[in-house]
Amino acid sequence: MLTSVRNVYYLSFPVVMGAVLSNRIAARLSDVVPVHWATPIVLALVVFIIYTADRLLDIRRPDRPPTARHRFHHRHADLLWRVVAGAAGLGLVLTFFLPPAIIKFGLVLGGVCVAYVSAVYRLPSRHPALLLKEPLVAILYSAGIWGSVWVQRPTVRSIELAEALMFLGIAFQNLILFDVMEKKEMTAAGETRKPPFSLATEWGEERCAILLRWLALTIIAAGFALCFFTDDRFAQRSAIMMALMSLTLYGIQRYPAYFLKHERYRWLGDGVFWFPALVL
């Protein structure tokens, strides 16, 4: 049972479901009701494809990360490529049921994602452009969740923009935190190889810690501030919920020794994207 749960986790299921739940937050906040039935399915498929393809390409590099998740993808690479192909085929079929606005948005965002994954795979292992990976992933992930809703509306309210920026900050906080924790994990395990090239390795743990603290402080402060600037009860609840997401990630950063055990930081770090279920 534990192995099955771990395999589902390695397949990025928490991130996929987090994207769907977050998309529901954006839809409710934007009053896009009803959301087209195919939208969350296509979103889930796209997130799964991007995350899985990125790791399947990672394991082909000579400096591939030695994480358990990457070892899982290495063992099942042939099967996972077939699953990715099947998910892409299903997503293509469902695309024809989507509203034209979402199709146009998806084509643009999908093209950017394909270009990103291809560039990351082709660039040398320590190319400076790879330092943009974390902010770009955060932007693309957030754009897919919020943009697929906004293209169905003639206007976007300031409260929606503010909460989308909070979500973007949380996604970036999550990615930087994982970089830092992976580096600590390798050090604790006595790994002699260099950790994967990233902002955490280039900036150092101290600078990343300062960045993560300021991100958490800004997002939490914004969450509480929004409660005083809007009368929308759902917007207030979702703002507080996002503040809790960021606070949880800060808690992982604050107590690394505890969360390094049994990869707790990964389970809870990805699990924060399920917090939207608390207010839906």
C-alpha atoms as a PDB file:
ATOM      1  CA  MET A   1       0.000   0.000   0.000  1.00  0.00           C
ATOM      2  CA  LEU A   2       2.804   2.379   0.968  1.00  0.00           C
ATOM      3  CA  THR A   3       4.636   1.611  -2.289  1.00  0.00           C
ATOM      4  CA  SER A   4       1.512   2.385  -4.327  1.00  0.00           C
ATOM      5  CA  VAL A   5       1.033   5.708  -2.552  1.00  0.00           C
ATOM      6  CA  ARG A   6       4.691   6.591  -3.087  1.00  0.00           C
ATOM      7  CA  ASN A   7       4.476   5.740  -6.790  1.00  0.00           C
ATOM      8  CA  VAL A   8       1.422   7.967  -7.180  1.00  0.00           C
ATOM      9  CA  TYR A   9       3.408  10.721  -5.508  1.00  0.00           C
ATOM     10  CA  TYR A  10       6.399  10.158  -7.814  1.00  0.00           C
ATOM     11  CA  LEU A  11       4.001  10.574 -10.758  1.00  0.00           C
ATOM     12  CA  SER A  12       3.327  14.145  -9.540  1.00  0.00           C
ATOM     13  CA  PHE A  13      -0.287  13.366  -8.636  1.00  0.00           C
ATOM     14  CA  PRO A  14      -0.282  15.910  -5.752  1.00  0.00           C
ATOM     15  CA  VAL A  15       0.884  18.652  -8.145  1.00  0.00           C
ATOM     16  CA  VAL A  16      -1.662  17.640 -10.786  1.00  0.00           C
ATOM     17  CA  MET A  17      -4.546  17.641  -8.313  1.00  0.00           C
ATOM     18  CA  GLY A  18      -3.227  20.863  -6.808  1.00  0.00           C
ATOM     19  CA  ALA A  19      -3.429  22.491 -10.229  1.00  0.00           C
ATOM     20  CA  VAL A  20      -7.054  21.378 -10.658  1.00  0.00           C
ATOM     21  CA  LEU A  21      -8.052  22.607  -7.181  1.00  0.00           C
ATOM     22  CA  SER A  22      -6.240  25.903  -7.696  1.00  0.00           C
ATOM     23  CA  ASN A  23      -7.995  26.321 -11.040  1.00  0.00           C
ATOM     24  CA  ARG A  24     -11.323  25.940  -9.217  1.00  0.00           C
ATOM     25  CA  ILE A  25     -10.276  28.758  -6.872  1.00  0.00           C
ATOM     26  CA  ALA A  26      -9.526  30.998  -9.849  1.00  0.00           C
ATOM     27  CA  ALA A  27     -12.837  30.099 -11.470  1.00  0.00           C
ATOM     28  CA  ARG A  28     -14.901  30.866  -8.356  1.00  0.00           C
ATOM     29  CA  LEU A  29     -13.019  34.075  -7.717  1.00  0.00           C
ATOM     30  CA  SER A  30     -13.598  35.173 -11.320  1.00  0.00           C
ATOM     31  CA  ASP A  31     -17.263  34.110 -11.468  1.00  0.00           C
ATOM     32  CA  VAL A  32     -16.616  31.907 -14.502  1.00  0.00           C
ATOM     33  CA  VAL A  33     -19.499  29.524 -13.874  1.00  0.00           C
ATOM     34  CA  PRO A  34     -19.878  26.932 -15.137  1.00  0.00           C
ATOM     35  CA  VAL A  35     -16.304  26.128 -16.125  1.00  0.00           C
ATOM     36  CA  HIS A  36     -16.268  23.961 -19.232  1.00  0.00           C
ATOM     37  CA  TRP A  37     -16.149  20.301 -18.140  1.00  0.00           C
ATOM     38  CA  ALA A  38     -13.058  19.532 -20.224  1.00  0.00           C
ATOM     39  CA  THR A  39     -10.960  22.378 -18.775  1.00  0.00           C
ATOM     40  CA  PRO A  40      -9.787  20.683 -15.516  1.00  0.00           C
ATOM     41  CA  ILE A  41      -9.166  17.390 -17.335  1.00  0.00           C
ATOM     42  CA  VAL A  42      -6.985  18.999 -19.996  1.00  0.00           C
ATOM     43  CA  LEU A  43      -5.206  21.071 -17.343  1.00  0.00           C
ATOM     44  CA  ALA A  44      -4.446  17.925 -15.320  1.00  0.00           C
ATOM     45  CA  LEU A  45      -3.159  16.107 -18.405  1.00  0.00           C
ATOM     46  CA  VAL A  46      -0.938  19.013 -19.441  1.00  0.00           C
ATOM     47  CA  VAL A  47       0.591  19.399 -15.970  1.00  0.00           C
ATOM     48  CA  PHE A  48       1.235  15.649 -15.805  1.00  0.00           C
ATOM     49  CA  ILE A  49       2.824  15.624 -19.273  1.00  0.00           C
ATOM     50  CA  ILE A  50       5.121  18.588 -18.549  1.00  0.00           C
ATOM     51  CA  TYR A  51       6.316  17.332 -15.158  1.00  0.00           C
ATOM     52  CA  THR A  52       6.803  13.748 -16.348  1.00  0.00           C
ATOM     53  CA  ALA A  53       8.525  14.678 -19.623  1.00  0.00           C
ATOM     54  CA  ASP A  54      10.828  17.066 -17.765  1.00  0.00           C
ATOM     55  CA  ARG A  55      11.984  14.262 -15.453  1.00  0.00           C
ATOM     56  CA  LEU A  56      12.245  11.710 -18.247  1.00  0.00           C
ATOM     57  CA  LEU A  57      14.544  14.112 -20.067  1.00  0.00           C
ATOM     58  CA  ASP A  58      16.450  14.817 -16.840  1.00  0.00           C
ATOM     59  CA  ILE A  59      17.406  11.153 -16.446  1.00  0.00           C
ATOM     60  CA  ARG A  60      19.024  11.169 -19.893  1.00  0.00           C
ATOM     61  CA  ARG A  61      21.541  13.768 -18.790  1.00  0.00           C
ATOM     62  CA  PRO A  62      24.872  12.498 -17.410  1.00  0.00           C
ATOM     63  CA  ASP A  63      24.430  14.740 -14.353  1.00  0.00           C
ATOM     64  CA  ARG A  64      20.864  13.562 -13.675  1.00  0.00           C
ATOM     65  CA  PRO A  65      19.662  14.260 -10.108  1.00  0.00           C
ATOM     66  CA  PRO A  66      20.060  11.228  -7.797  1.00  0.00           C
ATOM     67  CA  THR A  67      16.617  11.644  -6.192  1.00  0.00           C
ATOM     68  CA  ALA A  68      14.226   8.749  -5.534  1.00  0.00           C
ATOM     69  CA  ARG A  69      11.718  10.338  -7.902  1.00  0.00           C
ATOM     70  CA  HIS A  70      14.256  10.361 -10.738  1.00  0.00           C
ATOM     71  CA  ARG A  71      15.265   6.768  -9.991  1.00  0.00           C
ATOM     72  CA  PHE A  72      11.602   5.800 -10.259  1.00  0.00           C
ATOM     73  CA  HIS A  73      11.347   7.508 -13.660  1.00  0.00           C
ATOM     74  CA  HIS A  74      14.560   5.816 -14.784  1.00  0.00           C
ATOM     75  CA  ARG A  75      13.233   2.350 -13.903  1.00  0.00           C
ATOM     76  CA  HIS A  76       9.914   2.882 -15.684  1.00  0.00           C
ATOM     77  CA  ALA A  77      11.049   5.210 -18.473  1.00  0.00           C
ATOM     78  CA  ASP A  78       9.664   3.173 -21.402  1.00  0.00           C
ATOM     79  CA  LEU A  79       6.251   2.763 -19.778  1.00  0.00           C
ATOM     80  CA  LEU A  80       6.094   6.407 -18.729  1.00  0.00           C
ATOM     81  CA  TRP A  81       6.887   7.627 -22.254  1.00  0.00           C
ATOM     82  CA  ARG A  82       3.929   5.563 -23.488  1.00  0.00           C
ATOM     83  CA  VAL A  83       1.711   7.001 -20.764  1.00  0.00           C
ATOM     84  CA  VAL A  84       2.810  10.521 -21.707  1.00  0.00           C
ATOM     85  CA  ALA A  85       1.988   9.799 -25.355  1.00  0.00           C
ATOM     86  CA  GLY A  86      -1.445   8.469 -24.356  1.00  0.00           C
ATOM     87  CA  ALA A  87      -2.119  11.500 -22.158  1.00  0.00           C
ATOM     88  CA  ALA A  88      -1.095  13.794 -25.018  1.00  0.00           C
ATOM     89  CA  GLY A  89      -3.464  11.969 -27.393  1.00  0.00           C
ATOM     90  CA  LEU A  90      -6.362  12.201 -24.947  1.00  0.00           C
ATOM     91  CA  GLY A  91      -5.626  15.876 -24.325  1.00  0.00           C
ATOM     92  CA  LEU A  92      -5.615  16.547 -28.066  1.00  0.00           C
ATOM     93  CA  VAL A  93      -9.032  14.905 -28.475  1.00  0.00           C
ATOM     94  CA  LEU A  94     -10.504  16.851 -25.533  1.00  0.00           C
ATOM     95  CA  THR A  95      -9.122  20.087 -26.949  1.00  0.00           C
ATOM     96  CA  PHE A  96     -11.813  20.022 -29.642  1.00  0.00           C
ATOM     97  CA  PHE A  97     -14.485  20.308 -26.926  1.00  0.00           C
ATOM     98  CA  LEU A  98     -12.976  23.425 -25.341  1.00  0.00           C
ATOM     99  CA  PRO A  99     -14.125  26.993 -26.034  1.00  0.00           C
ATOM    100  CA  PRO A 100     -12.066  28.750 -28.760  1.00  0.00           C
ATOM    101  CA  ALA A 101     -10.572  31.236 -26.281  1.00  0.00           C
ATOM    102  CA  ILE A 102      -9.071  28.435 -24.185  1.00  0.00           C
ATOM    103  CA  ILE A 103      -7.787  26.634 -27.279  1.00  0.00           C
ATOM    104  CA  LYS A 104      -5.914  29.746 -28.444  1.00  0.00           C
ATOM    105  CA  PHE A 105      -4.517  30.358 -24.973  1.00  0.00           C
ATOM    106  CA  GLY A 106      -3.504  26.704 -24.645  1.00  0.00           C
ATOM    107  CA  LEU A 107      -1.696  26.693 -27.978  1.00  0.00           C
ATOM    108  CA  VAL A 108       0.385  29.707 -26.993  1.00  0.00           C
ATOM    109  CA  LEU A 109       1.164  28.435 -23.491  1.00  0.00           C
ATOM    110  CA  GLY A 110       1.758  24.899 -24.766  1.00  0.00           C
ATOM    111  CA  GLY A 111       4.221  26.195 -27.339  1.00  0.00           C
ATOM    112  CA  VAL A 112       6.120  28.062 -24.636  1.00  0.00           C
ATOM    113  CA  CYS A 113       6.200  24.936 -22.443  1.00  0.00           C
ATOM    114  CA  VAL A 114       7.506  22.749 -25.273  1.00  0.00           C
ATOM    115  CA  ALA A 115      10.189  25.328 -26.061  1.00  0.00           C
ATOM    116  CA  TYR A 116      11.153  25.472 -22.376  1.00  0.00           C
ATOM    117  CA  VAL A 117      11.432  21.686 -21.933  1.00  0.00           C
ATOM    118  CA  SER A 118      13.433  21.360 -25.163  1.00  0.00           C
ATOM    119  CA  ALA A 119      15.795  24.170 -24.174  1.00  0.00           C
ATOM    120  CA  VAL A 120      16.405  22.757 -20.692  1.00  0.00           C
ATOM    121  CA  TYR A 121      17.281  19.361 -22.172  1.00  0.00           C
ATOM    122  CA  ARG A 122      19.631  20.749 -24.824  1.00  0.00           C
ATOM    123  CA  LEU A 123      21.509  23.325 -22.730  1.00  0.00           C
ATOM    124  CA  PRO A 124      24.823  22.364 -21.059  1.00  0.00           C
ATOM    125  CA  SER A 125      24.472  21.256 -17.446  1.00  0.00           C
ATOM    126  CA  ARG A 126      25.742  24.554 -15.987  1.00  0.00           C
ATOM    127  CA  HIS A 127      24.443  27.022 -18.544  1.00  0.00           C
ATOM    128  CA  PRO A 128      23.442  30.355 -16.907  1.00  0.00           C
ATOM    129  CA  ALA A 129      20.011  30.164 -18.562  1.00  0.00           C
ATOM    130  CA  LEU A 130      19.181  27.182 -16.345  1.00  0.00           C
ATOM    131  CA  LEU A 131      19.022  29.592 -13.410  1.00  0.00           C
ATOM    132  CA  LEU A 132      15.741  30.798 -14.903  1.00  0.00           C
ATOM    133  CA  LYS A 133      14.181  27.348 -14.484  1.00  0.00           C
ATOM    134  CA  GLU A 134      12.500  27.957 -11.118  1.00  0.00           C
ATOM    135  CA  PRO A 135      10.915  31.346 -11.941  1.00  0.00           C
ATOM    136  CA  LEU A 136       9.870  30.135 -15.406  1.00  0.00           C
ATOM    137  CA  VAL A 137       8.225  26.974 -14.050  1.00  0.00           C
ATOM    138  CA  ALA A 138       6.393  29.053 -11.433  1.00  0.00           C
ATOM    139  CA  ILE A 139       5.181  31.487 -14.108  1.00  0.00           C
ATOM    140  CA  LEU A 140       4.065  28.763 -16.535  1.00  0.00           C
ATOM    141  CA  TYR A 141       2.306  26.765 -13.791  1.00  0.00           C
ATOM    142  CA  SER A 142       0.477  29.849 -12.521  1.00  0.00           C
ATOM    143  CA  ALA A 143      -0.348  31.061 -16.028  1.00  0.00           C
ATOM    144  CA  GLY A 144      -2.006  27.759 -16.910  1.00  0.00           C
ATOM    145  CA  ILE A 145      -4.158  27.813 -13.782  1.00  0.00           C
ATOM    146  CA  TRP A 146      -5.257  31.445 -13.852  1.00  0.00           C
ATOM    147  CA  GLY A 147      -4.972  32.246 -17.552  1.00  0.00           C
ATOM    148  CA  SER A 148      -7.332  29.447 -18.602  1.00  0.00           C
ATOM    149  CA  VAL A 149     -10.006  31.175 -16.497  1.00  0.00           C
ATOM    150  CA  TRP A 150      -9.242  34.766 -17.400  1.00  0.00           C
ATOM    151  CA  VAL A 151      -9.501  34.180 -21.149  1.00  0.00           C
ATOM    152  CA  GLN A 152     -13.173  33.321 -20.547  1.00  0.00           C
ATOM    153  CA  ARG A 153     -13.852  36.756 -19.044  1.00  0.00           C
ATOM    154  CA  PRO A 154     -13.941  40.224 -20.644  1.00  0.00           C
ATOM    155  CA  THR A 155     -12.211  41.851 -17.655  1.00  0.00           C
ATOM    156  CA  VAL A 156     -10.062  40.817 -14.712  1.00  0.00           C
ATOM    157  CA  ARG A 157     -10.537  42.396 -11.274  1.00  0.00           C
ATOM    158  CA  SER A 158      -7.631  43.708  -9.225  1.00  0.00           C
ATOM    159  CA  ILE A 159      -8.382  41.215  -6.431  1.00  0.00           C
ATOM    160  CA  GLU A 160      -7.920  38.375  -8.930  1.00  0.00           C
ATOM    161  CA  LEU A 161      -4.593  39.794 -10.076  1.00  0.00           C
ATOM    162  CA  ALA A 162      -3.454  40.180  -6.476  1.00  0.00           C
ATOM    163  CA  GLU A 163      -4.305  36.581  -5.562  1.00  0.00           C
ATOM    164  CA  ALA A 164      -2.751  35.287  -8.781  1.00  0.00           C
ATOM    165  CA  LEU A 165       0.487  37.060  -7.818  1.00  0.00           C
ATOM    166  CA  MET A 166       0.258  35.499  -4.354  1.00  0.00           C
ATOM    167  CA  PHE A 167      -0.115  32.084  -5.971  1.00  0.00           C
ATOM    168  CA  LEU A 168       2.853  32.779  -8.257  1.00  0.00           C
ATOM    169  CA  GLY A 169       4.919  33.672  -5.194  1.00  0.00           C
ATOM    170  CA  ILE A 170       3.880  30.421  -3.480  1.00  0.00           C
ATOM    171  CA  ALA A 171       4.843  28.363  -6.541  1.00  0.00           C
ATOM    172  CA  PHE A 172       8.248  30.074  -6.657  1.00  0.00           C
ATOM    173  CA  GLN A 173       8.687  29.635  -2.894  1.00  0.00           C
ATOM    174  CA  ASN A 174       7.928  25.924  -3.274  1.00  0.00           C
ATOM    175  CA  LEU A 175      10.500  25.426  -6.041  1.00  0.00           C
ATOM    176  CA  ILE A 176      13.315  27.315  -4.297  1.00  0.00           C
ATOM    177  CA  LEU A 177      12.562  25.493  -1.044  1.00  0.00           C
ATOM    178  CA  PHE A 178      12.817  22.137  -2.805  1.00  0.00           C
ATOM    179  CA  ASP A 179      16.176  23.131  -4.310  1.00  0.00           C
ATOM    180  CA  VAL A 180      17.506  24.038  -0.874  1.00  0.00           C
ATOM    181  CA  MET A 181      16.156  20.881   0.756  1.00  0.00           C
ATOM    182  CA  GLU A 182      17.523  18.642  -2.014  1.00  0.00           C
ATOM    183  CA  LYS A 183      20.958  20.162  -1.464  1.00  0.00           C
ATOM    184  CA  LYS A 184      20.680  19.518   2.294  1.00  0.00           C
ATOM    185  CA  GLU A 185      19.468  15.990   1.552  1.00  0.00           C
ATOM    186  CA  MET A 186      22.520  15.220  -0.566  1.00  0.00           C
ATOM    187  CA  THR A 187      24.840  16.642   2.092  1.00  0.00           C
ATOM    188  CA  ALA A 188      23.165  14.568   4.822  1.00  0.00           C
ATOM    189  CA  ALA A 189      23.485  11.420   2.695  1.00  0.00           C
ATOM    190  CA  GLY A 190      27.204  12.031   2.158  1.00  0.00           C
ATOM    191  CA  GLU A 191      26.858  12.501  -1.603  1.00  0.00           C
ATOM    192  CA  THR A 192      30.154  13.501  -3.209  1.00  0.00           C
ATOM    193  CA  ARG A 193      28.722  14.613  -6.544  1.00  0.00           C
ATOM    194  CA  LYS A 194      27.715  18.206  -7.093  1.00  0.00           C
ATOM    195  CA  PRO A 195      24.013  18.973  -6.648  1.00  0.00           C
ATOM    196  CA  PRO A 196      22.065  19.906  -9.812  1.00  0.00           C
ATOM    197  CA  PHE A 197      22.771  23.427 -11.057  1.00  0.00           C
ATOM    198  CA  SER A 198      20.055  25.726  -9.724  1.00  0.00           C
ATOM    199  CA  LEU A 199      19.426  29.006  -7.955  1.00  0.00           C
ATOM    200  CA  ALA A 200      20.033  27.276  -4.624  1.00  0.00           C
ATOM    201  CA  THR A 201      23.502  26.080  -5.616  1.00  0.00           C
ATOM    202  CA  GLU A 202      24.426  29.342  -7.330  1.00  0.00           C
ATOM    203  CA  TRP A 203      23.114  31.760  -4.696  1.00  0.00           C
ATOM    204  CA  GLY A 204      23.920  29.666  -1.656  1.00  0.00           C
ATOM    205  CA  GLU A 205      21.670  28.568   1.184  1.00  0.00           C
ATOM    206  CA  GLU A 206      21.951  31.807   3.136  1.00  0.00           C
ATOM    207  CA  ARG A 207      20.726  34.028   0.301  1.00  0.00           C
ATOM    208  CA  CYS A 208      17.992  31.547  -0.569  1.00  0.00           C
ATOM    209  CA  ALA A 209      16.885  31.473   3.067  1.00  0.00           C
ATOM    210  CA  ILE A 210      16.571  35.266   3.058  1.00  0.00           C
ATOM    211  CA  LEU A 211      14.606  35.129  -0.195  1.00  0.00           C
ATOM    212  CA  LEU A 212      12.257  32.459   1.173  1.00  0.00           C
ATOM    213  CA  ARG A 213      11.634  34.421   4.379  1.00  0.00           C
ATOM    214  CA  TRP A 214      10.784  37.584   2.459  1.00  0.00           C
ATOM    215  CA  LEU A 215       8.538  35.669   0.089  1.00  0.00           C
ATOM    216  CA  ALA A 216       6.648  34.157   3.030  1.00  0.00           C
ATOM    217  CA  LEU A 217       6.397  37.493   4.832  1.00  0.00           C
ATOM    218  CA  THR A 218       5.145  39.284   1.709  1.00  0.00           C
ATOM    219  CA  ILE A 219       2.568  36.622   0.819  1.00  0.00           C
ATOM    220  CA  ILE A 220       1.248  36.318   4.383  1.00  0.00           C
ATOM    221  CA  ALA A 221       1.015  40.101   4.756  1.00  0.00           C
ATOM    222  CA  ALA A 222      -0.749  40.355   1.386  1.00  0.00           C
ATOM    223  CA  GLY A 223      -3.236  37.656   2.405  1.00  0.00           C
ATOM    224  CA  PHE A 224      -4.280  39.518   5.532  1.00  0.00           C
ATOM    225  CA  ALA A 225      -4.218  42.922   3.802  1.00  0.00           C
ATOM    226  CA  LEU A 226      -6.601  41.740   1.079  1.00  0.00           C
ATOM    227  CA  CYS A 227      -9.183  40.928   3.745  1.00  0.00           C
ATOM    228  CA  PHE A 228      -9.447  44.662   4.455  1.00  0.00           C
ATOM    229  CA  PHE A 229      -9.590  45.743   0.803  1.00  0.00           C
ATOM    230  CA  THR A 230     -12.443  43.556  -0.418  1.00  0.00           C
ATOM    231  CA  ASP A 231     -15.936  42.667   0.732  1.00  0.00           C
ATOM    232  CA  ASP A 232     -15.899  39.468  -1.306  1.00  0.00           C
ATOM    233  CA  ARG A 233     -16.120  36.741   1.333  1.00  0.00           C
ATOM    234  CA  PHE A 234     -14.709  34.050  -0.938  1.00  0.00           C
ATOM    235  CA  ALA A 235     -11.792  36.305  -1.894  1.00  0.00           C
ATOM    236  CA  GLN A 236     -11.090  36.832   1.810  1.00  0.00           C
ATOM    237  CA  ARG A 237     -11.145  33.101   2.537  1.00  0.00           C
ATOM    238  CA  SER A 238      -8.941  32.256  -0.430  1.00  0.00           C
ATOM    239  CA  ALA A 239      -6.443  34.994   0.516  1.00  0.00           C
ATOM    240  CA  ILE A 240      -6.117  33.584   4.050  1.00  0.00           C
ATOM    241  CA  MET A 241      -5.810  30.087   2.607  1.00  0.00           C
ATOM    242  CA  MET A 242      -2.892  31.192   0.398  1.00  0.00           C
ATOM    243  CA  ALA A 243      -1.255  32.848   3.388  1.00  0.00           C
ATOM    244  CA  LEU A 244      -1.477  29.472   5.167  1.00  0.00           C
ATOM    245  CA  MET A 245       0.095  27.771   2.147  1.00  0.00           C
ATOM    246  CA  SER A 246       3.085  30.111   2.332  1.00  0.00           C
ATOM    247  CA  LEU A 247       3.299  29.800   6.119  1.00  0.00           C
ATOM    248  CA  THR A 248       3.413  25.999   5.789  1.00  0.00           C
ATOM    249  CA  LEU A 249       6.289  26.215   3.326  1.00  0.00           C
ATOM    250  CA  TYR A 250       8.078  28.567   5.716  1.00  0.00           C
ATOM    251  CA  GLY A 251       7.586  25.987   8.479  1.00  0.00           C
ATOM    252  CA  ILE A 252       9.393  23.398   6.335  1.00  0.00           C
ATOM    253  CA  GLN A 253      12.256  25.840   5.825  1.00  0.00           C
ATOM    254  CA  ARG A 254      12.379  26.637   9.540  1.00  0.00           C
ATOM    255  CA  TYR A 255      12.721  22.996  10.648  1.00  0.00           C
ATOM    256  CA  PRO A 256      14.729  21.276   7.873  1.00  0.00           C
ATOM    257  CA  ALA A 257      16.057  18.386   9.993  1.00  0.00           C
ATOM    258  CA  TYR A 258      12.556  17.128  10.761  1.00  0.00           C
ATOM    259  CA  PHE A 259      11.215  17.507   7.226  1.00  0.00           C
ATOM    260  CA  LEU A 260      14.239  15.886   5.571  1.00  0.00           C
ATOM    261  CA  LYS A 261      13.330  12.574   7.215  1.00  0.00           C
ATOM    262  CA  HIS A 262      11.398  10.241   4.900  1.00  0.00           C
ATOM    263  CA  GLU A 263      11.124  13.087   2.350  1.00  0.00           C
ATOM    264  CA  ARG A 264       8.479  14.805   4.499  1.00  0.00           C
ATOM    265  CA  TYR A 265       9.277  18.130   2.880  1.00  0.00           C
ATOM    266  CA  ARG A 266       8.236  16.757  -0.521  1.00  0.00           C
ATOM    267  CA  TRP A 267       4.945  15.332   0.721  1.00  0.00           C
ATOM    268  CA  LEU A 268       3.924  18.466   2.601  1.00  0.00           C
ATOM    269  CA  GLY A 269       5.545  20.881   0.145  1.00  0.00           C
ATOM    270  CA  ASP A 270       3.486  19.512  -2.746  1.00  0.00           C
ATOM    271  CA  GLY A 271       0.519  18.924  -0.435  1.00  0.00           C
ATOM    272  CA  VAL A 272       0.066  22.651   0.176  1.00  0.00           C
ATOM    273  CA  PHE A 273      -1.452  22.891  -3.300  1.00  0.00           C
ATOM    274  CA  TRP A 274      -4.368  20.824  -1.964  1.00  0.00           C
ATOM    275  CA  PHE A 275      -5.185  23.567   0.547  1.00  0.00           C
ATOM    276  CA  PRO A 276      -7.691  25.172  -1.901  1.00  0.00           C
ATOM    277  CA  ALA A 277      -9.991  22.242  -1.070  1.00  0.00           C
ATOM    278  CA  LEU A 278     -10.445  23.868   2.354  1.00  0.00           C
ATOM    279  CA  VAL A 279     -12.381  26.806   0.895  1.00  0.00           C
ATOM    280  CA  LEU A 280     -14.076  25.286  -2.139  1.00  0.00           C
END
